[in-house]
């Protein structure tokens, strides 16, 4: 009887430890995608707890952050517009998504397809395309930014960086 009681207590203890461990792991797991954003609005990013979907880096700031929202409400997060474009390229739903970018000139979330992008900005993954709400003589549109990323014409490419920055 004592041995059965010991086994029972051991099993209970193991179950409690397992439940605690699972709750801690679930609580601290990085956020990669959020479901249920049917309004397709930009969601607040939990800084230092949300991973960029493409490069897996923790998002530490909303500066140059981007979000992609699928028609079914799934929302993915990015620390750099370049990561967002690279990730989205192979997705079958890429034409139906809503894209949000956080601007460096007005510090707001705006439609990423209507944003203007600098080409020499400091961004998390060094692509150089910082989003802006206001156009200036050094900005390009979304389609041009996409094309440059597909071609490798970014600050992350040492040859192109030297050409663009004159170094």
Protein backbone atom coordinates (compact mmCIF):
# COMPACT_ATOMS: atom_id res chain seq x y z
CA UNK A 1 0.00 0.00 0.00
CA UNK A 2 2.86 2.40 0.86
CA UNK A 3 4.51 1.65 -2.47
CA UNK A 4 1.29 2.42 -4.38
CA UNK A 5 0.98 5.69 -2.47
CA UNK A 6 4.58 6.61 -3.37
CA UNK A 7 3.95 5.84 -7.03
CA UNK A 8 0.73 7.87 -7.00
CA UNK A 9 2.46 10.87 -5.38
CA UNK A 10 5.30 10.62 -7.88
CA UNK A 11 2.85 10.56 -10.80
CA UNK A 12 0.95 13.57 -9.39
CA UNK A 13 4.21 15.46 -8.90
CA UNK A 14 5.31 14.70 -12.47
CA UNK A 15 1.94 15.86 -13.86
CA UNK A 16 2.13 19.12 -11.90
CA UNK A 17 5.70 19.76 -13.10
CA UNK A 18 4.70 18.99 -16.70
CA UNK A 19 1.74 21.40 -16.52
CA UNK A 20 3.92 24.14 -15.07
CA UNK A 21 6.62 23.58 -17.67
CA UNK A 22 4.13 23.65 -20.54
CA UNK A 23 2.51 26.85 -19.27
CA UNK A 24 5.90 28.58 -18.98
CA UNK A 25 6.99 27.44 -22.43
CA UNK A 26 3.72 28.53 -24.00
CA UNK A 27 3.82 31.91 -22.27
CA UNK A 28 7.39 32.68 -23.39
CA UNK A 29 7.14 31.28 -26.90
CA UNK A 30 7.82 33.96 -29.53
CA UNK A 31 4.88 35.19 -31.54
CA UNK A 32 5.13 34.40 -35.25
CA UNK A 33 1.56 34.64 -36.50
CA UNK A 34 -1.68 35.89 -34.97
CA UNK A 35 -5.03 34.54 -36.13
CA UNK A 36 -8.41 36.25 -36.19
CA UNK A 37 -7.54 39.72 -37.58
CA UNK A 38 -10.55 39.71 -39.90
CA UNK A 39 -10.69 43.53 -39.92
CA UNK A 40 -7.20 43.38 -41.51
CA UNK A 41 -5.93 46.24 -39.36
CA UNK A 42 -2.34 46.62 -38.10
CA UNK A 43 -1.90 44.87 -34.77
CA UNK A 44 0.28 46.10 -31.91
CA UNK A 45 3.61 44.28 -32.02
CA UNK A 46 4.79 42.84 -28.73
CA UNK A 47 8.36 44.05 -28.93
CA UNK A 48 11.06 41.55 -27.96
CA UNK A 49 8.40 38.79 -28.01
CA UNK A 50 7.53 38.72 -31.72
CA UNK A 51 9.66 37.08 -34.39
CA UNK A 52 10.11 38.29 -37.94
CA UNK A 53 8.45 35.61 -40.06
CA UNK A 54 11.21 35.61 -42.71
CA UNK A 55 14.48 36.03 -40.82
CA UNK A 56 13.30 34.88 -37.34
CA UNK A 57 14.91 37.87 -35.59
CA UNK A 58 13.09 39.30 -32.59
CA UNK A 59 11.37 42.55 -33.46
CA UNK A 60 12.81 45.16 -31.12
CA UNK A 61 11.24 48.32 -32.54
CA UNK A 62 8.34 49.34 -34.76
CA UNK A 63 10.72 51.52 -36.80
CA UNK A 64 10.54 49.99 -40.30
CA UNK A 65 8.30 47.15 -39.07
CA UNK A 66 5.79 45.59 -41.44
CA UNK A 67 2.75 43.33 -41.17
CA UNK A 68 0.99 41.14 -43.71
CA UNK A 69 -2.66 40.24 -43.15
CA UNK A 70 -4.22 37.43 -45.19
CA UNK A 71 -7.92 37.52 -46.10
CA UNK A 72 -8.57 34.85 -43.43
CA UNK A 73 -7.19 37.18 -40.72
CA UNK A 74 -3.77 35.57 -40.18
CA UNK A 75 -1.20 38.28 -39.47
CA UNK A 76 2.57 37.92 -39.88
CA UNK A 77 5.17 40.36 -38.57
CA UNK A 78 8.48 41.64 -40.00
CA UNK A 79 11.33 43.79 -38.72
CA UNK A 80 12.21 45.08 -42.20
CA UNK A 81 10.07 45.69 -45.31
CA UNK A 82 12.66 43.68 -47.25
CA UNK A 83 11.96 40.58 -45.17
CA UNK A 84 8.25 41.05 -45.80
CA UNK A 85 8.71 41.26 -49.59
CA UNK A 86 11.00 38.21 -49.68
CA UNK A 87 8.57 36.14 -47.58
CA UNK A 88 5.52 37.22 -49.54
CA UNK A 89 7.04 36.46 -52.96
CA UNK A 90 6.20 32.74 -52.94
CA UNK A 91 2.82 32.93 -51.22
CA UNK A 92 -0.20 32.01 -53.38
CA UNK A 93 -2.32 34.64 -51.63
CA UNK A 94 0.17 37.51 -52.11
CA UNK A 95 -2.18 39.57 -54.27
CA UNK A 96 -5.03 39.40 -51.72
CA UNK A 97 -3.12 40.49 -48.61
CA UNK A 98 -3.25 43.77 -46.76
CA UNK A 99 0.23 45.16 -46.07
CA UNK A 100 0.98 47.58 -43.26
CA UNK A 101 4.26 49.40 -42.73
CA UNK A 102 5.34 51.66 -39.89
CA UNK A 103 6.62 54.93 -41.33
CA UNK A 104 9.81 56.67 -40.30
CA UNK A 105 8.56 60.14 -41.22
CA UNK A 106 5.13 60.20 -39.53
CA UNK A 107 5.52 57.29 -37.10
CA UNK A 108 2.22 55.72 -38.17
CA UNK A 109 0.98 52.47 -39.66
CA UNK A 110 -0.02 52.99 -43.30
CA UNK A 111 -0.93 50.86 -46.31
CA UNK A 112 2.36 49.33 -47.44
CA UNK A 113 1.31 49.29 -51.09
CA UNK A 114 0.75 53.07 -51.00
CA UNK A 115 3.88 53.89 -48.97
CA UNK A 116 6.99 55.48 -50.40
CA UNK A 117 10.33 53.88 -49.60
CA UNK A 118 13.75 55.38 -49.13
CA UNK A 119 16.61 53.41 -50.65
CA UNK A 120 19.45 54.25 -48.24
CA UNK A 121 17.79 53.89 -44.84
CA UNK A 122 19.10 51.95 -41.87
CA UNK A 123 16.77 48.96 -41.53
CA UNK A 124 17.00 45.88 -39.33
CA UNK A 125 18.23 43.52 -42.05
CA UNK A 126 20.03 46.24 -44.05
CA UNK A 127 17.83 46.18 -47.12
CA UNK A 128 17.61 49.98 -46.84
CA UNK A 129 13.95 50.51 -47.68
CA UNK A 130 12.46 52.60 -44.89
CA UNK A 131 8.75 53.31 -45.34
CA UNK A 132 7.47 56.85 -45.58
CA UNK A 133 4.07 58.41 -45.83
CA UNK A 134 5.34 61.46 -47.70
CA UNK A 135 7.08 61.26 -51.04
CA UNK A 136 10.37 63.03 -51.68
CA UNK A 137 12.96 63.02 -54.46
CA UNK A 138 14.75 60.00 -52.93
CA UNK A 139 11.77 57.68 -52.52
CA UNK A 140 10.38 54.90 -54.70
CA UNK A 141 6.98 53.22 -54.72
CA UNK A 142 6.10 49.73 -53.48
CA UNK A 143 6.41 48.03 -56.89
CA UNK A 144 9.87 49.52 -57.46
CA UNK A 145 10.95 48.47 -53.97
CA UNK A 146 9.73 44.89 -54.62
CA UNK A 147 11.59 44.76 -57.93
CA UNK A 148 14.83 45.96 -56.34
CA UNK A 149 14.58 43.29 -53.64
CA UNK A 150 13.95 40.57 -56.23
CA UNK A 151 17.01 41.79 -58.16
CA UNK A 152 19.19 42.04 -55.05
CA UNK A 153 19.54 45.81 -55.42
CA UNK A 154 19.60 46.50 -51.70
CA UNK A 155 22.05 47.82 -49.14
CA UNK A 156 22.52 44.20 -48.02
CA UNK A 157 24.32 43.56 -51.34
CA UNK A 158 27.90 44.92 -50.90
CA UNK A 159 28.35 45.73 -54.61
CA UNK A 160 25.06 47.56 -54.86
CA UNK A 161 25.66 49.29 -51.52
CA UNK A 162 28.98 50.67 -52.75
CA UNK A 163 27.36 51.85 -55.98
CA UNK A 164 24.40 53.47 -54.23
CA UNK A 165 26.41 55.12 -51.46
CA UNK A 166 29.33 56.02 -53.71
CA UNK A 167 31.91 54.11 -51.65
